Amino acid sequence: MAPARILFVEDDVNLGFVIRDTLENVPFQVTHCTNGTEAWEAFQSGPFDVCLLDVMLPQSDGFTLARQIRSVNTLIPILFLSALANKDDRLQGLRLGADDYLTKPFSIEELILKINVFLRRTIIQQPQLPATDFELHRQNLTLIINGQVQNLTYREVAVLAYLLDRPNTLVRRDELLRAVWGDDDYFMGRSLDVFISRLRKRLVQAPAIRIENVHGVGFILRR
């Protein structure tokens, strides 16, 4: 089973390093962001299994970030990790839809325990994904999902095929760029992002197959 994916938002560099390092040794797959704007962008590129949010953040605070997350996902567990310990702040966090609120300093063992409780709860609530009839015809440049035929470009097929050949495995951006484009410069990287976005739209009808973004590193095709 793949490690659970954690969105961890903490602007304190030292504390962030310690918590991330500890969580990755559990092991969890951790995406660490240091401000609310970066975290919201990362969340939209997810998916994630749990969100750990500091409250006092640059650019956009943790409460605002929680509102944004809840506007598009009502089920993902949100846990605040904050130095704001008064009752009003705790209540505000819970009213925004947080599942729990830990005040700093806290026990890392307690944090891991709470994350595992959230993950068990999420597994119980997780709906069964429908079976998908999925075929990629590489030579014909077509994708067939549940009988619906989509015509792909050469590069769309090349990117999707490369990821399909490495399911549930992290494929680095530079590796994918060199394999499909022959180089990994900045402008080709922007083109790759466009193609990944197109492929995600094409895979909407195949919920059991998805392309995840590992922020700043690469992609994982889950199936």
C-alpha atoms as a PDB file:
ATOM      1  CA  MET A   1       0.000   0.000   0.000  1.00  0.00           C
ATOM      2  CA  ALA A   2       1.289   3.459  -0.913  1.00  0.00           C
ATOM      3  CA  PRO A   3       2.133   5.830   1.956  1.00  0.00           C
ATOM      4  CA  ALA A   4      -0.596   8.264   2.993  1.00  0.00           C
ATOM      5  CA  ARG A   5      -0.210  11.713   1.434  1.00  0.00           C
ATOM      6  CA  ILE A   6       0.061  14.580   3.911  1.00  0.00           C
ATOM      7  CA  LEU A   7      -0.232  18.287   3.094  1.00  0.00           C
ATOM      8  CA  PHE A   8       1.847  19.928   5.843  1.00  0.00           C
ATOM      9  CA  VAL A   9       1.835  23.736   6.095  1.00  0.00           C
ATOM     10  CA  GLU A  10       4.301  25.328   8.529  1.00  0.00           C
ATOM     11  CA  ASP A  11       6.377  28.491   8.038  1.00  0.00           C
ATOM     12  CA  ASP A  12       8.844  27.839  10.871  1.00  0.00           C
ATOM     13  CA  VAL A  13      11.797  26.314   8.993  1.00  0.00           C
ATOM     14  CA  ASN A  14      13.277  24.364  11.912  1.00  0.00           C
ATOM     15  CA  LEU A  15       9.982  23.027  13.241  1.00  0.00           C
ATOM     16  CA  GLY A  16       8.846  22.215   9.721  1.00  0.00           C
ATOM     17  CA  PHE A  17      11.995  20.208   9.036  1.00  0.00           C
ATOM     18  CA  VAL A  18      11.682  18.188  12.255  1.00  0.00           C
ATOM     19  CA  ILE A  19       8.005  17.350  11.754  1.00  0.00           C
ATOM     20  CA  ARG A  20       8.394  16.546   8.067  1.00  0.00           C
ATOM     21  CA  ASP A  21      11.412  14.329   8.706  1.00  0.00           C
ATOM     22  CA  THR A  22       9.574  12.455  11.459  1.00  0.00           C
ATOM     23  CA  LEU A  23       6.445  11.944   9.357  1.00  0.00           C
ATOM     24  CA  GLU A  24       8.428  10.733   6.354  1.00  0.00           C
ATOM     25  CA  ASN A  25      10.024   8.076   8.565  1.00  0.00           C
ATOM     26  CA  VAL A  26       6.589   6.642   9.530  1.00  0.00           C
ATOM     27  CA  PRO A  27       6.461   6.591   6.443  1.00  0.00           C
ATOM     28  CA  PHE A  28       4.071   9.202   5.072  1.00  0.00           C
ATOM     29  CA  GLN A  29       4.457  11.067   1.792  1.00  0.00           C
ATOM     30  CA  VAL A  30       4.741  14.709   2.902  1.00  0.00           C
ATOM     31  CA  THR A  31       4.330  17.879   0.858  1.00  0.00           C
ATOM     32  CA  HIS A  32       5.647  20.747   2.990  1.00  0.00           C
ATOM     33  CA  CYS A  33       4.540  24.303   2.183  1.00  0.00           C
ATOM     34  CA  THR A  34       5.549  27.467   4.037  1.00  0.00           C
ATOM     35  CA  ASN A  35       2.699  29.854   3.169  1.00  0.00           C
ATOM     36  CA  GLY A  36      -1.013  29.676   2.526  1.00  0.00           C
ATOM     37  CA  THR A  37      -0.864  30.564  -1.155  1.00  0.00           C
ATOM     38  CA  GLU A  38       1.672  27.852  -1.940  1.00  0.00           C
ATOM     39  CA  ALA A  39      -0.351  25.357   0.108  1.00  0.00           C
ATOM     40  CA  TRP A  40      -3.584  26.096  -1.765  1.00  0.00           C
ATOM     41  CA  GLU A  41      -1.814  25.584  -5.102  1.00  0.00           C
ATOM     42  CA  ALA A  42      -0.371  22.307  -3.826  1.00  0.00           C
ATOM     43  CA  PHE A  43      -3.774  21.134  -2.563  1.00  0.00           C
ATOM     44  CA  GLN A  44      -5.337  21.718  -5.964  1.00  0.00           C
ATOM     45  CA  SER A  45      -2.598  19.557  -7.506  1.00  0.00           C
ATOM     46  CA  GLY A  46      -3.147  16.801  -4.912  1.00  0.00           C
ATOM     47  CA  PRO A  47      -4.904  14.645  -3.943  1.00  0.00           C
ATOM     48  CA  PHE A  48      -4.011  14.362  -0.252  1.00  0.00           C
ATOM     49  CA  ASP A  49      -5.250  12.163   2.584  1.00  0.00           C
ATOM     50  CA  VAL A  50      -4.736  14.568   5.542  1.00  0.00           C
ATOM     51  CA  CYS A  51      -4.042  18.308   5.898  1.00  0.00           C
ATOM     52  CA  LEU A  52      -1.883  19.649   8.752  1.00  0.00           C
ATOM     53  CA  LEU A  53      -2.205  23.429   8.896  1.00  0.00           C
ATOM     54  CA  ASP A  54      -0.472  26.091  10.941  1.00  0.00           C
ATOM     55  CA  VAL A  55      -2.720  29.112  11.594  1.00  0.00           C
ATOM     56  CA  MET A  56      -0.302  32.052  11.447  1.00  0.00           C
ATOM     57  CA  LEU A  57       1.095  31.851   7.917  1.00  0.00           C
ATOM     58  CA  PRO A  58       2.468  34.368   5.405  1.00  0.00           C
ATOM     59  CA  GLN A  59       0.317  35.492   2.450  1.00  0.00           C
ATOM     60  CA  SER A  60      -2.806  33.573   3.493  1.00  0.00           C
ATOM     61  CA  ASP A  61      -3.466  32.300   7.012  1.00  0.00           C
ATOM     62  CA  GLY A  62      -4.450  28.790   8.004  1.00  0.00           C
ATOM     63  CA  PHE A  63      -8.092  29.659   8.662  1.00  0.00           C
ATOM     64  CA  THR A  64      -8.446  31.078   5.147  1.00  0.00           C
ATOM     65  CA  LEU A  65      -6.733  28.006   3.724  1.00  0.00           C
ATOM     66  CA  ALA A  66      -9.121  25.725   5.634  1.00  0.00           C
ATOM     67  CA  ARG A  67     -12.108  27.606   4.163  1.00  0.00           C
ATOM     68  CA  GLN A  68     -10.694  27.132   0.666  1.00  0.00           C
ATOM     69  CA  ILE A  69     -10.119  23.413   1.227  1.00  0.00           C
ATOM     70  CA  ARG A  70     -13.574  22.882   2.689  1.00  0.00           C
ATOM     71  CA  SER A  71     -15.155  24.704  -0.267  1.00  0.00           C
ATOM     72  CA  VAL A  72     -14.028  21.878  -2.557  1.00  0.00           C
ATOM     73  CA  ASN A  73     -13.594  18.911  -0.202  1.00  0.00           C
ATOM     74  CA  THR A  74     -15.816  18.293   2.809  1.00  0.00           C
ATOM     75  CA  LEU A  75     -14.302  14.944   3.818  1.00  0.00           C
ATOM     76  CA  ILE A  76     -10.514  15.313   3.981  1.00  0.00           C
ATOM     77  CA  PRO A  77      -9.306  15.480   7.603  1.00  0.00           C
ATOM     78  CA  ILE A  78      -7.925  18.882   8.634  1.00  0.00           C
ATOM     79  CA  LEU A  79      -5.789  19.222  11.759  1.00  0.00           C
ATOM     80  CA  PHE A  80      -4.585  22.631  12.957  1.00  0.00           C
ATOM     81  CA  LEU A  81      -1.129  22.861  14.557  1.00  0.00           C
ATOM     82  CA  SER A  82      -0.970  26.288  16.164  1.00  0.00           C
ATOM     83  CA  ALA A  83       0.631  28.415  18.850  1.00  0.00           C
ATOM     84  CA  LEU A  84      -2.759  30.159  19.255  1.00  0.00           C
ATOM     85  CA  ALA A  85      -4.051  28.367  22.318  1.00  0.00           C
ATOM     86  CA  ASN A  86      -7.019  30.427  23.461  1.00  0.00           C
ATOM     87  CA  LYS A  87     -10.553  29.073  23.355  1.00  0.00           C
ATOM     88  CA  ASP A  88     -11.820  31.433  20.638  1.00  0.00           C
ATOM     89  CA  ASP A  89      -9.092  30.401  18.184  1.00  0.00           C
ATOM     90  CA  ARG A  90      -9.728  26.712  18.821  1.00  0.00           C
ATOM     91  CA  LEU A  91     -13.466  27.167  18.338  1.00  0.00           C
ATOM     92  CA  GLN A  92     -12.949  29.148  15.160  1.00  0.00           C
ATOM     93  CA  GLY A  93     -10.790  26.387  13.723  1.00  0.00           C
ATOM     94  CA  LEU A  94     -13.380  23.747  14.565  1.00  0.00           C
ATOM     95  CA  ARG A  95     -16.229  25.857  13.161  1.00  0.00           C
ATOM     96  CA  LEU A  96     -14.336  26.089   9.878  1.00  0.00           C
ATOM     97  CA  GLY A  97     -14.532  22.314   9.612  1.00  0.00           C
ATOM     98  CA  ALA A  98     -11.277  21.212  11.211  1.00  0.00           C
ATOM     99  CA  ASP A  99     -11.309  17.735  12.727  1.00  0.00           C
ATOM    100  CA  ASP A 100      -8.899  18.615  15.539  1.00  0.00           C
ATOM    101  CA  TYR A 101      -6.699  21.404  16.885  1.00  0.00           C
ATOM    102  CA  LEU A 102      -3.313  20.786  18.520  1.00  0.00           C
ATOM    103  CA  THR A 103      -1.545  23.621  20.318  1.00  0.00           C
ATOM    104  CA  LYS A 104       2.236  24.030  20.204  1.00  0.00           C
ATOM    105  CA  PRO A 105       4.281  22.543  21.686  1.00  0.00           C
ATOM    106  CA  PHE A 106       2.661  19.166  21.110  1.00  0.00           C
ATOM    107  CA  SER A 107       3.781  15.552  21.216  1.00  0.00           C
ATOM    108  CA  ILE A 108       4.825  14.212  17.814  1.00  0.00           C
ATOM    109  CA  GLU A 109       3.620  10.788  18.968  1.00  0.00           C
ATOM    110  CA  GLU A 110       0.158  12.262  19.584  1.00  0.00           C
ATOM    111  CA  LEU A 111       0.205  13.878  16.139  1.00  0.00           C
ATOM    112  CA  ILE A 112       1.036  10.569  14.437  1.00  0.00           C
ATOM    113  CA  LEU A 113      -1.658   8.800  16.452  1.00  0.00           C
ATOM    114  CA  LYS A 114      -4.264  11.358  15.371  1.00  0.00           C
ATOM    115  CA  ILE A 115      -3.201  11.112  11.728  1.00  0.00           C
ATOM    116  CA  ASN A 116      -3.596   7.325  11.812  1.00  0.00           C
ATOM    117  CA  VAL A 117      -7.053   7.659  13.393  1.00  0.00           C
ATOM    118  CA  PHE A 118      -8.067  10.055  10.603  1.00  0.00           C
ATOM    119  CA  LEU A 119      -6.713   7.684   7.962  1.00  0.00           C
ATOM    120  CA  ARG A 120      -8.653   4.714   9.361  1.00  0.00           C
ATOM    121  CA  ARG A 121     -11.821   6.805   9.404  1.00  0.00           C
ATOM    122  CA  THR A 122     -11.257   7.945   5.828  1.00  0.00           C
ATOM    123  CA  ILE A 123     -10.777   4.373   4.612  1.00  0.00           C
ATOM    124  CA  ILE A 124     -14.129   3.429   6.161  1.00  0.00           C
ATOM    125  CA  GLN A 125     -15.843   6.386   4.468  1.00  0.00           C
ATOM    126  CA  GLN A 126     -14.112   5.937   1.108  1.00  0.00           C
ATOM    127  CA  PRO A 127     -16.657   5.063  -1.589  1.00  0.00           C
ATOM    128  CA  GLN A 128     -15.855   2.135  -3.845  1.00  0.00           C
ATOM    129  CA  LEU A 129     -14.686   3.437  -7.213  1.00  0.00           C
ATOM    130  CA  PRO A 130     -16.584   2.070 -10.197  1.00  0.00           C
ATOM    131  CA  ALA A 131     -14.823  -0.359 -12.493  1.00  0.00           C
ATOM    132  CA  THR A 132     -13.427   1.363 -15.559  1.00  0.00           C
ATOM    133  CA  ASP A 133     -12.982  -0.007 -19.072  1.00  0.00           C
ATOM    134  CA  PHE A 134      -9.741   1.731 -20.000  1.00  0.00           C
ATOM    135  CA  GLU A 135      -7.681   1.232 -23.155  1.00  0.00           C
ATOM    136  CA  LEU A 136      -4.857   3.306 -24.588  1.00  0.00           C
ATOM    137  CA  HIS A 137      -4.155   2.554 -28.266  1.00  0.00           C
ATOM    138  CA  ARG A 138      -0.716   4.000 -28.730  1.00  0.00           C
ATOM    139  CA  GLN A 139      -0.335   3.549 -32.474  1.00  0.00           C
ATOM    140  CA  ASN A 140      -3.832   4.847 -33.233  1.00  0.00           C
ATOM    141  CA  LEU A 141      -3.484   7.774 -30.768  1.00  0.00           C
ATOM    142  CA  THR A 142      -6.813   6.971 -29.112  1.00  0.00           C
ATOM    143  CA  LEU A 143      -7.993   6.550 -25.537  1.00  0.00           C
ATOM    144  CA  ILE A 144     -11.133   4.521 -24.854  1.00  0.00           C
ATOM    145  CA  ILE A 145     -12.874   4.914 -21.478  1.00  0.00           C
ATOM    146  CA  ASN A 146     -16.082   2.943 -20.945  1.00  0.00           C
ATOM    147  CA  GLY A 147     -16.636   2.778 -24.697  1.00  0.00           C
ATOM    148  CA  GLN A 148     -16.058   6.500 -25.265  1.00  0.00           C
ATOM    149  CA  VAL A 149     -13.295   7.137 -27.806  1.00  0.00           C
ATOM    150  CA  GLN A 150     -11.029  10.161 -27.413  1.00  0.00           C
ATOM    151  CA  ASN A 151      -8.445  11.204 -30.008  1.00  0.00           C
ATOM    152  CA  LEU A 152      -5.124  12.167 -28.441  1.00  0.00           C
ATOM    153  CA  THR A 153      -2.119  14.031 -29.741  1.00  0.00           C
ATOM    154  CA  TYR A 154       1.199  12.245 -30.146  1.00  0.00           C
ATOM    155  CA  ARG A 155       2.622  13.936 -27.042  1.00  0.00           C
ATOM    156  CA  GLU A 156      -0.471  13.192 -24.941  1.00  0.00           C
ATOM    157  CA  VAL A 157      -0.080   9.510 -25.796  1.00  0.00           C
ATOM    158  CA  ALA A 158       3.655   9.610 -25.086  1.00  0.00           C
ATOM    159  CA  VAL A 159       3.201  11.205 -21.651  1.00  0.00           C
ATOM    160  CA  LEU A 160       0.288   8.960 -20.648  1.00  0.00           C
ATOM    161  CA  ALA A 161       2.007   5.816 -21.907  1.00  0.00           C
ATOM    162  CA  TYR A 162       5.196   6.622 -19.998  1.00  0.00           C
ATOM    163  CA  LEU A 163       3.217   7.019 -16.766  1.00  0.00           C
ATOM    164  CA  LEU A 164       1.036   3.952 -17.411  1.00  0.00           C
ATOM    165  CA  ASP A 165       4.170   1.845 -17.826  1.00  0.00           C
ATOM    166  CA  ARG A 166       5.229   2.939 -14.311  1.00  0.00           C
ATOM    167  CA  PRO A 167       2.008   2.762 -12.248  1.00  0.00           C
ATOM    168  CA  ASN A 168       2.065   3.898  -8.603  1.00  0.00           C
ATOM    169  CA  THR A 169       5.673   5.018  -9.029  1.00  0.00           C
ATOM    170  CA  LEU A 170       7.091   8.513  -8.715  1.00  0.00           C
ATOM    171  CA  VAL A 171       8.254   9.709 -12.139  1.00  0.00           C
ATOM    172  CA  ARG A 172      10.464  12.767 -11.891  1.00  0.00           C
ATOM    173  CA  ARG A 173       9.710  15.770 -14.077  1.00  0.00           C
ATOM    174  CA  ASP A 174      13.184  15.811 -15.632  1.00  0.00           C
ATOM    175  CA  GLU A 175      12.973  12.087 -16.417  1.00  0.00           C
ATOM    176  CA  LEU A 176       9.596  12.479 -18.137  1.00  0.00           C
ATOM    177  CA  LEU A 177      10.745  15.557 -20.066  1.00  0.00           C
ATOM    178  CA  ARG A 178      13.855  13.834 -21.386  1.00  0.00           C
ATOM    179  CA  ALA A 179      11.866  10.723 -22.347  1.00  0.00           C
ATOM    180  CA  VAL A 180       9.150  12.610 -24.272  1.00  0.00           C
ATOM    181  CA  TRP A 181      10.724  15.933 -25.293  1.00  0.00           C
ATOM    182  CA  GLY A 182      14.399  14.961 -25.282  1.00  0.00           C
ATOM    183  CA  ASP A 183      15.329  17.815 -22.923  1.00  0.00           C
ATOM    184  CA  ASP A 184      14.177  19.347 -19.656  1.00  0.00           C
ATOM    185  CA  ASP A 185      14.446  23.110 -20.084  1.00  0.00           C
ATOM    186  CA  TYR A 186      12.023  25.652 -18.575  1.00  0.00           C
ATOM    187  CA  PHE A 187       9.732  26.068 -21.590  1.00  0.00           C
ATOM    188  CA  MET A 188       9.373  22.328 -22.114  1.00  0.00           C
ATOM    189  CA  GLY A 189       8.523  22.054 -18.414  1.00  0.00           C
ATOM    190  CA  ARG A 190       5.645  24.495 -18.897  1.00  0.00           C
ATOM    191  CA  SER A 191       4.474  22.441 -21.877  1.00  0.00           C
ATOM    192  CA  LEU A 192       4.516  19.317 -19.719  1.00  0.00           C
ATOM    193  CA  ASP A 193       2.233  21.006 -17.179  1.00  0.00           C
ATOM    194  CA  VAL A 194      -0.233  21.803 -19.960  1.00  0.00           C
ATOM    195  CA  PHE A 195      -0.245  18.198 -21.181  1.00  0.00           C
ATOM    196  CA  ILE A 196      -0.720  16.846 -17.640  1.00  0.00           C
ATOM    197  CA  SER A 197      -3.692  19.194 -17.186  1.00  0.00           C
ATOM    198  CA  ARG A 198      -5.218  17.968 -20.464  1.00  0.00           C
ATOM    199  CA  LEU A 199      -4.750  14.333 -19.500  1.00  0.00           C
ATOM    200  CA  ARG A 200      -6.401  14.870 -16.113  1.00  0.00           C
ATOM    201  CA  LYS A 201      -9.465  16.249 -17.897  1.00  0.00           C
ATOM    202  CA  ARG A 202      -9.511  13.249 -20.206  1.00  0.00           C
ATOM    203  CA  LEU A 203      -9.338  10.876 -17.223  1.00  0.00           C
ATOM    204  CA  VAL A 204     -12.314  12.392 -15.406  1.00  0.00           C
ATOM    205  CA  GLN A 205     -14.471   9.481 -16.586  1.00  0.00           C
ATOM    206  CA  ALA A 206     -11.951   7.005 -15.147  1.00  0.00           C
ATOM    207  CA  PRO A 207     -11.931   7.850 -11.396  1.00  0.00           C
ATOM    208  CA  ALA A 208      -9.872   4.758 -10.549  1.00  0.00           C
ATOM    209  CA  ILE A 209      -7.001   6.160 -12.631  1.00  0.00           C
ATOM    210  CA  ARG A 210      -5.506   9.504 -11.694  1.00  0.00           C
ATOM    211  CA  ILE A 211      -2.322  11.511 -12.117  1.00  0.00           C
ATOM    212  CA  GLU A 212      -1.014  12.983  -8.880  1.00  0.00           C
ATOM    213  CA  ASN A 213       1.415  15.866  -8.693  1.00  0.00           C
ATOM    214  CA  VAL A 214       4.310  15.565  -6.225  1.00  0.00           C
ATOM    215  CA  HIS A 215       5.028  19.247  -5.780  1.00  0.00           C
ATOM    216  CA  GLY A 216       8.315  20.283  -7.364  1.00  0.00           C
ATOM    217  CA  VAL A 217       9.382  16.680  -8.020  1.00  0.00           C
ATOM    218  CA  GLY A 218       7.185  14.832 -10.506  1.00  0.00           C
ATOM    219  CA  PHE A 219       4.069  12.732 -11.001  1.00  0.00           C
ATOM    220  CA  ILE A 220       2.506   9.440  -9.892  1.00  0.00           C
ATOM    221  CA  LEU A 221      -0.135   7.646 -11.936  1.00  0.00           C
ATOM    222  CA  ARG A 222      -2.405   5.779  -9.522  1.00  0.00           C
ATOM    223  CA  ARG A 223      -4.474   2.853 -10.737  1.00  0.00           C
END
